[in-house]
């Protein structure tokens, strides 16, 4: 299927590994000019080498407003005005609800939700002015089914579902779509970290914890990052022109409350 985005400028946040990296690679394979950001310079350089094509990497912390402004500015001057934005971050701290501190809640808000507001504020008006744009927020299935060990993420990602709808309504008349992808259990560093926590709590190995997670999915396996990326890239495409305001579960059939 021809996705119709060759030559488009795509920005992918937190793209040095995991779903962000897989998404940047898939967009590059479709012929997009790709701009990625990450906090670590070395990891960023390694990611750019893997992504290939026309790619630029910028050191940026998505929780810092000035970093986001600089990322958008450099992308615009070096690659062109952004047509596609994929927001993505690592998850907030895991732990019990009573263990989360005010500082962790604040940091989670800034890195998980406020960065989305800031980035769309920076690139959305330009997309609307040109009459074309694609915004995809990478969130989590906990937006639908909250997790006891991810209280901050569960709370904020439910808010992102509503934010996605509000942004979609605002930008739809201008030909800009805004959607979210809610990944299920995906084999990434984040999933391994959560497996370590479960392993310690339950007295089992990390691999056993991962297997139990996989067994809970109707498809009996964890997702690969590339499988999540394929859904994201479709929503970024010309083919998805009549899809907006949607929060798409990509979870192997696990979630029942969507």
C-alpha atoms as a PDB file:
ATOM      1  CA  UNK A   1       0.000   0.000   0.000  1.00  0.00           C
ATOM      2  CA  UNK A   2       1.356   3.410  -0.964  1.00  0.00           C
ATOM      3  CA  UNK A   3       1.144   5.606   2.134  1.00  0.00           C
ATOM      4  CA  UNK A   4       1.710   8.889   0.294  1.00  0.00           C
ATOM      5  CA  UNK A   5       4.142  10.499   2.728  1.00  0.00           C
ATOM      6  CA  UNK A   6       7.390  10.401   0.780  1.00  0.00           C
ATOM      7  CA  UNK A   7       9.251  13.679   1.269  1.00  0.00           C
ATOM      8  CA  UNK A   8       7.233  14.696   4.318  1.00  0.00           C
ATOM      9  CA  UNK A   9       9.104  16.026   7.364  1.00  0.00           C
ATOM     10  CA  UNK A  10       8.452  13.835  10.404  1.00  0.00           C
ATOM     11  CA  UNK A  11       9.417  14.521  14.003  1.00  0.00           C
ATOM     12  CA  UNK A  12       9.626  11.578  16.422  1.00  0.00           C
ATOM     13  CA  UNK A  13      10.275  12.228  20.104  1.00  0.00           C
ATOM     14  CA  UNK A  14      12.380   9.997  22.359  1.00  0.00           C
ATOM     15  CA  UNK A  15      13.490   7.923  19.380  1.00  0.00           C
ATOM     16  CA  UNK A  16      16.823   6.459  20.479  1.00  0.00           C
ATOM     17  CA  UNK A  17      15.262   3.077  21.309  1.00  0.00           C
ATOM     18  CA  UNK A  18      12.080   1.060  21.560  1.00  0.00           C
ATOM     19  CA  UNK A  19       8.883   2.153  19.852  1.00  0.00           C
ATOM     20  CA  UNK A  20      10.256   5.608  19.045  1.00  0.00           C
ATOM     21  CA  UNK A  21      13.229   4.158  17.182  1.00  0.00           C
ATOM     22  CA  UNK A  22      11.064   1.623  15.346  1.00  0.00           C
ATOM     23  CA  UNK A  23       8.701   4.404  14.291  1.00  0.00           C
ATOM     24  CA  UNK A  24      11.501   6.633  13.026  1.00  0.00           C
ATOM     25  CA  UNK A  25      12.911   3.724  11.002  1.00  0.00           C
ATOM     26  CA  UNK A  26       9.516   2.975   9.475  1.00  0.00           C
ATOM     27  CA  UNK A  27       8.927   6.621   8.538  1.00  0.00           C
ATOM     28  CA  UNK A  28      12.380   6.828   6.977  1.00  0.00           C
ATOM     29  CA  UNK A  29      11.613   3.676   4.982  1.00  0.00           C
ATOM     30  CA  UNK A  30       8.536   5.469   3.602  1.00  0.00           C
ATOM     31  CA  UNK A  31      10.762   8.266   2.354  1.00  0.00           C
ATOM     32  CA  UNK A  32      10.144  10.824   5.099  1.00  0.00           C
ATOM     33  CA  UNK A  33      12.814  13.263   6.194  1.00  0.00           C
ATOM     34  CA  UNK A  34      13.055  12.341   9.854  1.00  0.00           C
ATOM     35  CA  UNK A  35      13.977  14.431  12.877  1.00  0.00           C
ATOM     36  CA  UNK A  36      14.462  12.610  16.160  1.00  0.00           C
ATOM     37  CA  UNK A  37      15.329  13.695  19.665  1.00  0.00           C
ATOM     38  CA  UNK A  38      16.673  11.946  22.748  1.00  0.00           C
ATOM     39  CA  UNK A  39      18.456  12.954  25.933  1.00  0.00           C
ATOM     40  CA  UNK A  40      21.704  11.059  25.324  1.00  0.00           C
ATOM     41  CA  UNK A  41      24.032  12.172  22.544  1.00  0.00           C
ATOM     42  CA  UNK A  42      25.714   8.798  22.064  1.00  0.00           C
ATOM     43  CA  UNK A  43      22.451   6.860  21.941  1.00  0.00           C
ATOM     44  CA  UNK A  44      21.059   9.460  19.559  1.00  0.00           C
ATOM     45  CA  UNK A  45      23.967   9.062  17.183  1.00  0.00           C
ATOM     46  CA  UNK A  46      23.630   5.288  17.216  1.00  0.00           C
ATOM     47  CA  UNK A  47      19.912   5.585  16.532  1.00  0.00           C
ATOM     48  CA  UNK A  48      20.439   7.881  13.549  1.00  0.00           C
ATOM     49  CA  UNK A  49      22.846   5.355  12.049  1.00  0.00           C
ATOM     50  CA  UNK A  50      20.163   2.677  12.367  1.00  0.00           C
ATOM     51  CA  UNK A  51      17.335   4.859  11.040  1.00  0.00           C
ATOM     52  CA  UNK A  52      19.120   5.748   7.812  1.00  0.00           C
ATOM     53  CA  UNK A  53      17.813   7.914   4.998  1.00  0.00           C
ATOM     54  CA  UNK A  54      17.528  11.648   5.573  1.00  0.00           C
ATOM     55  CA  UNK A  55      17.650  11.904   9.347  1.00  0.00           C
ATOM     56  CA  UNK A  56      18.751  14.493  11.887  1.00  0.00           C
ATOM     57  CA  UNK A  57      19.185  13.902  15.595  1.00  0.00           C
ATOM     58  CA  UNK A  58      18.931  16.524  18.321  1.00  0.00           C
ATOM     59  CA  UNK A  59      19.670  16.255  22.015  1.00  0.00           C
ATOM     60  CA  UNK A  60      16.547  17.278  23.890  1.00  0.00           C
ATOM     61  CA  UNK A  61      14.680  16.467  27.082  1.00  0.00           C
ATOM     62  CA  UNK A  62      10.968  16.459  26.254  1.00  0.00           C
ATOM     63  CA  UNK A  63      10.106  17.708  29.742  1.00  0.00           C
ATOM     64  CA  UNK A  64      12.003  20.976  29.105  1.00  0.00           C
ATOM     65  CA  UNK A  65      10.107  23.614  27.110  1.00  0.00           C
ATOM     66  CA  UNK A  66      13.243  25.308  25.767  1.00  0.00           C
ATOM     67  CA  UNK A  67      14.553  21.978  24.461  1.00  0.00           C
ATOM     68  CA  UNK A  68      11.326  21.364  22.541  1.00  0.00           C
ATOM     69  CA  UNK A  69      11.410  24.853  21.048  1.00  0.00           C
ATOM     70  CA  UNK A  70      15.003  24.335  19.949  1.00  0.00           C
ATOM     71  CA  UNK A  71      14.193  20.929  18.456  1.00  0.00           C
ATOM     72  CA  UNK A  72      11.348  22.327  16.372  1.00  0.00           C
ATOM     73  CA  UNK A  73      13.425  25.328  15.302  1.00  0.00           C
ATOM     74  CA  UNK A  74      16.409  23.235  14.184  1.00  0.00           C
ATOM     75  CA  UNK A  75      14.170  20.736  12.417  1.00  0.00           C
ATOM     76  CA  UNK A  76      12.465  23.509  10.497  1.00  0.00           C
ATOM     77  CA  UNK A  77      15.712  25.165   9.445  1.00  0.00           C
ATOM     78  CA  UNK A  78      17.531  21.940   8.489  1.00  0.00           C
ATOM     79  CA  UNK A  79      14.786  19.659   7.149  1.00  0.00           C
ATOM     80  CA  UNK A  80      11.737  21.842   6.600  1.00  0.00           C
ATOM     81  CA  UNK A  81       8.459  22.647   8.315  1.00  0.00           C
ATOM     82  CA  UNK A  82       7.118  19.562  10.154  1.00  0.00           C
ATOM     83  CA  UNK A  83       4.243  17.667   8.516  1.00  0.00           C
ATOM     84  CA  UNK A  84       4.177  14.750  10.944  1.00  0.00           C
ATOM     85  CA  UNK A  85       4.613  14.709  14.731  1.00  0.00           C
ATOM     86  CA  UNK A  86       4.887  11.561  16.824  1.00  0.00           C
ATOM     87  CA  UNK A  87       4.976  12.328  20.539  1.00  0.00           C
ATOM     88  CA  UNK A  88       6.585   9.633  22.653  1.00  0.00           C
ATOM     89  CA  UNK A  89       8.303   9.329  26.015  1.00  0.00           C
ATOM     90  CA  UNK A  90       9.517   6.800  28.497  1.00  0.00           C
ATOM     91  CA  UNK A  91       6.987   6.023  31.173  1.00  0.00           C
ATOM     92  CA  UNK A  92       6.703   7.691  34.593  1.00  0.00           C
ATOM     93  CA  UNK A  93       8.061   5.819  37.645  1.00  0.00           C
ATOM     94  CA  UNK A  94       6.458   2.526  38.605  1.00  0.00           C
ATOM     95  CA  UNK A  95       5.358   1.723  42.131  1.00  0.00           C
ATOM     96  CA  UNK A  96       2.353   1.740  44.405  1.00  0.00           C
ATOM     97  CA  UNK A  97       0.002   4.707  44.545  1.00  0.00           C
ATOM     98  CA  UNK A  98       0.948   5.539  48.144  1.00  0.00           C
ATOM     99  CA  UNK A  99       4.664   5.433  47.311  1.00  0.00           C
ATOM    100  CA  UNK A 100       4.540   8.090  44.581  1.00  0.00           C
ATOM    101  CA  UNK A 101       5.887  11.466  45.698  1.00  0.00           C
ATOM    102  CA  UNK A 102       4.729  14.921  44.662  1.00  0.00           C
ATOM    103  CA  UNK A 103       7.960  15.326  42.717  1.00  0.00           C
ATOM    104  CA  UNK A 104       7.333  12.112  40.786  1.00  0.00           C
ATOM    105  CA  UNK A 105       3.805  13.220  39.937  1.00  0.00           C
ATOM    106  CA  UNK A 106       5.097  16.602  38.743  1.00  0.00           C
ATOM    107  CA  UNK A 107       7.897  15.066  36.679  1.00  0.00           C
ATOM    108  CA  UNK A 108       5.448  12.593  35.202  1.00  0.00           C
ATOM    109  CA  UNK A 109       3.080  15.388  34.218  1.00  0.00           C
ATOM    110  CA  UNK A 110       5.827  17.374  32.503  1.00  0.00           C
ATOM    111  CA  UNK A 111       7.403  14.469  30.626  1.00  0.00           C
ATOM    112  CA  UNK A 112       4.258  12.517  29.760  1.00  0.00           C
ATOM    113  CA  UNK A 113       1.472  15.065  29.190  1.00  0.00           C
ATOM    114  CA  UNK A 114       2.710  18.663  29.183  1.00  0.00           C
ATOM    115  CA  UNK A 115       5.250  17.917  26.433  1.00  0.00           C
ATOM    116  CA  UNK A 116       2.368  16.883  24.156  1.00  0.00           C
ATOM    117  CA  UNK A 117       0.601  20.175  24.751  1.00  0.00           C
ATOM    118  CA  UNK A 118       3.800  22.100  24.066  1.00  0.00           C
ATOM    119  CA  UNK A 119       4.748  20.218  20.901  1.00  0.00           C
ATOM    120  CA  UNK A 120       1.297  20.473  19.314  1.00  0.00           C
ATOM    121  CA  UNK A 121       1.247  24.154  20.208  1.00  0.00           C
ATOM    122  CA  UNK A 122       4.562  24.548  18.372  1.00  0.00           C
ATOM    123  CA  UNK A 123       3.795  22.603  15.178  1.00  0.00           C
ATOM    124  CA  UNK A 124       0.001  22.466  14.972  1.00  0.00           C
ATOM    125  CA  UNK A 125      -0.608  26.016  13.688  1.00  0.00           C
ATOM    126  CA  UNK A 126       1.846  25.512  10.812  1.00  0.00           C
ATOM    127  CA  UNK A 127       0.160  22.266   9.833  1.00  0.00           C
ATOM    128  CA  UNK A 128      -3.231  23.959   9.932  1.00  0.00           C
ATOM    129  CA  UNK A 129      -1.998  26.849   7.815  1.00  0.00           C
ATOM    130  CA  UNK A 130      -0.747  24.440   5.125  1.00  0.00           C
ATOM    131  CA  UNK A 131      -3.920  22.334   5.305  1.00  0.00           C
ATOM    132  CA  UNK A 132      -2.195  19.011   6.050  1.00  0.00           C
ATOM    133  CA  UNK A 133      -0.709  17.370   9.112  1.00  0.00           C
ATOM    134  CA  UNK A 134      -0.545  14.202  11.150  1.00  0.00           C
ATOM    135  CA  UNK A 135      -0.110  14.031  14.913  1.00  0.00           C
ATOM    136  CA  UNK A 136       0.123  10.692  16.732  1.00  0.00           C
ATOM    137  CA  UNK A 137       0.566  10.362  20.490  1.00  0.00           C
ATOM    138  CA  UNK A 138       2.176   7.134  21.721  1.00  0.00           C
ATOM    139  CA  UNK A 139       0.563   6.318  25.060  1.00  0.00           C
ATOM    140  CA  UNK A 140      -0.384   2.985  26.672  1.00  0.00           C
ATOM    141  CA  UNK A 141      -3.192   0.519  27.264  1.00  0.00           C
ATOM    142  CA  UNK A 142      -3.279   1.757  30.884  1.00  0.00           C
ATOM    143  CA  UNK A 143      -5.292   4.677  29.536  1.00  0.00           C
ATOM    144  CA  UNK A 144      -8.131   2.143  29.289  1.00  0.00           C
ATOM    145  CA  UNK A 145      -7.285  -0.348  32.026  1.00  0.00           C
ATOM    146  CA  UNK A 146      -5.290   1.295  34.848  1.00  0.00           C
ATOM    147  CA  UNK A 147      -2.417  -0.611  36.415  1.00  0.00           C
ATOM    148  CA  UNK A 148      -1.856  -0.680  40.168  1.00  0.00           C
ATOM    149  CA  UNK A 149       1.914  -0.490  39.640  1.00  0.00           C
ATOM    150  CA  UNK A 150       1.642   2.420  37.184  1.00  0.00           C
ATOM    151  CA  UNK A 151      -0.573   4.955  38.971  1.00  0.00           C
ATOM    152  CA  UNK A 152       0.996   8.070  37.425  1.00  0.00           C
ATOM    153  CA  UNK A 153       1.008   6.664  33.918  1.00  0.00           C
ATOM    154  CA  UNK A 154      -2.556   5.345  34.259  1.00  0.00           C
ATOM    155  CA  UNK A 155      -3.836   8.736  35.382  1.00  0.00           C
ATOM    156  CA  UNK A 156      -1.989  10.851  32.842  1.00  0.00           C
ATOM    157  CA  UNK A 157      -2.616   8.595  29.859  1.00  0.00           C
ATOM    158  CA  UNK A 158      -6.360   8.666  30.442  1.00  0.00           C
ATOM    159  CA  UNK A 159      -6.003  12.448  30.289  1.00  0.00           C
ATOM    160  CA  UNK A 160      -4.120  12.120  26.999  1.00  0.00           C
ATOM    161  CA  UNK A 161      -7.099  10.226  25.523  1.00  0.00           C
ATOM    162  CA  UNK A 162      -9.297  13.245  26.178  1.00  0.00           C
ATOM    163  CA  UNK A 163      -6.578  15.654  25.063  1.00  0.00           C
ATOM    164  CA  UNK A 164      -6.299  13.732  21.780  1.00  0.00           C
ATOM    165  CA  UNK A 165     -10.001  14.229  21.151  1.00  0.00           C
ATOM    166  CA  UNK A 166      -9.846  17.941  22.003  1.00  0.00           C
ATOM    167  CA  UNK A 167      -6.845  18.531  19.734  1.00  0.00           C
ATOM    168  CA  UNK A 168      -8.485  16.517  16.955  1.00  0.00           C
ATOM    169  CA  UNK A 169     -11.659  18.604  17.145  1.00  0.00           C
ATOM    170  CA  UNK A 170      -9.647  21.817  17.058  1.00  0.00           C
ATOM    171  CA  UNK A 171      -7.480  20.890  14.074  1.00  0.00           C
ATOM    172  CA  UNK A 172      -9.838  18.748  11.974  1.00  0.00           C
ATOM    173  CA  UNK A 173     -11.320  21.656   9.957  1.00  0.00           C
ATOM    174  CA  UNK A 174      -7.785  22.464   8.739  1.00  0.00           C
ATOM    175  CA  UNK A 175      -7.020  18.972   7.428  1.00  0.00           C
ATOM    176  CA  UNK A 176      -4.866  17.955  10.391  1.00  0.00           C
ATOM    177  CA  UNK A 177      -5.548  14.651  12.127  1.00  0.00           C
ATOM    178  CA  UNK A 178      -4.692  13.862  15.743  1.00  0.00           C
ATOM    179  CA  UNK A 179      -4.763  10.293  17.006  1.00  0.00           C
ATOM    180  CA  UNK A 180      -3.209   8.171  19.740  1.00  0.00           C
ATOM    181  CA  UNK A 181      -1.806   4.655  19.699  1.00  0.00           C
ATOM    182  CA  UNK A 182      -2.103   2.667  22.916  1.00  0.00           C
ATOM    183  CA  UNK A 183       0.501  -0.130  22.842  1.00  0.00           C
ATOM    184  CA  UNK A 184       0.037  -3.279  24.832  1.00  0.00           C
ATOM    185  CA  UNK A 185       2.880  -5.245  26.382  1.00  0.00           C
ATOM    186  CA  UNK A 186       5.819  -4.652  24.049  1.00  0.00           C
ATOM    187  CA  UNK A 187       9.314  -6.061  24.386  1.00  0.00           C
ATOM    188  CA  UNK A 188      11.190  -2.861  25.198  1.00  0.00           C
ATOM    189  CA  UNK A 189      13.504  -1.679  27.969  1.00  0.00           C
ATOM    190  CA  UNK A 190      10.443  -0.323  29.778  1.00  0.00           C
ATOM    191  CA  UNK A 191       8.785  -3.751  29.736  1.00  0.00           C
ATOM    192  CA  UNK A 192      11.948  -5.371  31.070  1.00  0.00           C
ATOM    193  CA  UNK A 193      12.090  -2.809  33.887  1.00  0.00           C
ATOM    194  CA  UNK A 194       8.500  -3.589  34.868  1.00  0.00           C
ATOM    195  CA  UNK A 195       9.319  -7.302  34.711  1.00  0.00           C
ATOM    196  CA  UNK A 196      12.173  -6.732  37.165  1.00  0.00           C
ATOM    197  CA  UNK A 197       9.755  -5.060  39.572  1.00  0.00           C
ATOM    198  CA  UNK A 198       7.249  -7.921  39.290  1.00  0.00           C
ATOM    199  CA  UNK A 199      10.021 -10.500  39.615  1.00  0.00           C
ATOM    200  CA  UNK A 200      11.240  -8.951  42.855  1.00  0.00           C
ATOM    201  CA  UNK A 201       7.736  -8.713  44.256  1.00  0.00           C
ATOM    202  CA  UNK A 202       6.739 -12.273  43.315  1.00  0.00           C
ATOM    203  CA  UNK A 203      10.080 -14.009  43.880  1.00  0.00           C
ATOM    204  CA  UNK A 204      10.513 -15.159  40.295  1.00  0.00           C
ATOM    205  CA  UNK A 205      13.033 -14.499  37.523  1.00  0.00           C
ATOM    206  CA  UNK A 206      12.766 -11.603  35.099  1.00  0.00           C
ATOM    207  CA  UNK A 207      12.267 -14.011  32.188  1.00  0.00           C
ATOM    208  CA  UNK A 208       9.467 -15.770  34.037  1.00  0.00           C
ATOM    209  CA  UNK A 209       7.834 -12.432  34.744  1.00  0.00           C
ATOM    210  CA  UNK A 210       8.024 -11.582  31.032  1.00  0.00           C
ATOM    211  CA  UNK A 211       6.543 -14.966  30.132  1.00  0.00           C
ATOM    212  CA  UNK A 212       3.645 -14.460  32.526  1.00  0.00           C
ATOM    213  CA  UNK A 213       3.020 -11.094  30.910  1.00  0.00           C
ATOM    214  CA  UNK A 214       3.008 -12.743  27.498  1.00  0.00           C
ATOM    215  CA  UNK A 215       0.689 -15.511  28.696  1.00  0.00           C
ATOM    216  CA  UNK A 216      -1.860 -12.884  29.772  1.00  0.00           C
ATOM    217  CA  UNK A 217      -2.198 -11.700  26.165  1.00  0.00           C
ATOM    218  CA  UNK A 218      -4.690 -13.592  23.963  1.00  0.00           C
ATOM    219  CA  UNK A 219      -2.002 -13.887  21.282  1.00  0.00           C
ATOM    220  CA  UNK A 220       0.317 -15.451  23.912  1.00  0.00           C
ATOM    221  CA  UNK A 221       3.270 -13.224  23.133  1.00  0.00           C
ATOM    222  CA  UNK A 222       4.627  -9.734  23.657  1.00  0.00           C
ATOM    223  CA  UNK A 223       4.555  -7.275  20.773  1.00  0.00           C
ATOM    224  CA  UNK A 224       7.634  -6.265  18.845  1.00  0.00           C
ATOM    225  CA  UNK A 225       8.273  -2.523  18.685  1.00  0.00           C
ATOM    226  CA  UNK A 226       8.000  -2.639  14.886  1.00  0.00           C
ATOM    227  CA  UNK A 227       4.410  -3.902  15.162  1.00  0.00           C
ATOM    228  CA  UNK A 228       3.436  -0.831  17.146  1.00  0.00           C
ATOM    229  CA  UNK A 229       5.348   1.384  14.723  1.00  0.00           C
ATOM    230  CA  UNK A 230       3.397   0.025  11.752  1.00  0.00           C
ATOM    231  CA  UNK A 231       0.136   1.226  13.300  1.00  0.00           C
ATOM    232  CA  UNK A 232       1.637   4.624  14.086  1.00  0.00           C
ATOM    233  CA  UNK A 233       2.968   5.096  10.566  1.00  0.00           C
ATOM    234  CA  UNK A 234      -0.384   4.181   9.023  1.00  0.00           C
ATOM    235  CA  UNK A 235      -2.054   6.921  11.091  1.00  0.00           C
ATOM    236  CA  UNK A 236       0.645   9.300   9.790  1.00  0.00           C
ATOM    237  CA  UNK A 237      -0.193   8.457   6.198  1.00  0.00           C
ATOM    238  CA  UNK A 238      -2.343   9.928   3.469  1.00  0.00           C
ATOM    239  CA  UNK A 239      -4.437   6.756   3.659  1.00  0.00           C
ATOM    240  CA  UNK A 240      -5.577   7.654   7.191  1.00  0.00           C
ATOM    241  CA  UNK A 241      -7.026  11.011   6.116  1.00  0.00           C
ATOM    242  CA  UNK A 242     -10.479  10.355   7.628  1.00  0.00           C
ATOM    243  CA  UNK A 243      -9.304   8.997  10.979  1.00  0.00           C
ATOM    244  CA  UNK A 244      -8.984  11.536  13.776  1.00  0.00           C
ATOM    245  CA  UNK A 245      -9.629  11.698  17.503  1.00  0.00           C
ATOM    246  CA  UNK A 246      -9.087   7.948  17.793  1.00  0.00           C
ATOM    247  CA  UNK A 247      -7.173   6.127  20.533  1.00  0.00           C
ATOM    248  CA  UNK A 248      -6.147   2.890  18.845  1.00  0.00           C
ATOM    249  CA  UNK A 249      -5.352  -0.114  21.016  1.00  0.00           C
ATOM    250  CA  UNK A 250      -2.508  -2.233  19.621  1.00  0.00           C
ATOM    251  CA  UNK A 251      -2.379  -4.853  22.351  1.00  0.00           C
ATOM    252  CA  UNK A 252      -2.918  -8.308  20.898  1.00  0.00           C
ATOM    253  CA  UNK A 253      -6.524  -8.354  22.112  1.00  0.00           C
ATOM    254  CA  UNK A 254      -5.652  -7.956  25.782  1.00  0.00           C
ATOM    255  CA  UNK A 255      -7.741  -4.928  26.732  1.00  0.00           C
ATOM    256  CA  UNK A 256     -11.446  -5.572  27.330  1.00  0.00           C
ATOM    257  CA  UNK A 257     -12.622  -2.120  28.354  1.00  0.00           C
ATOM    258  CA  UNK A 258     -11.705  -0.115  25.215  1.00  0.00           C
END
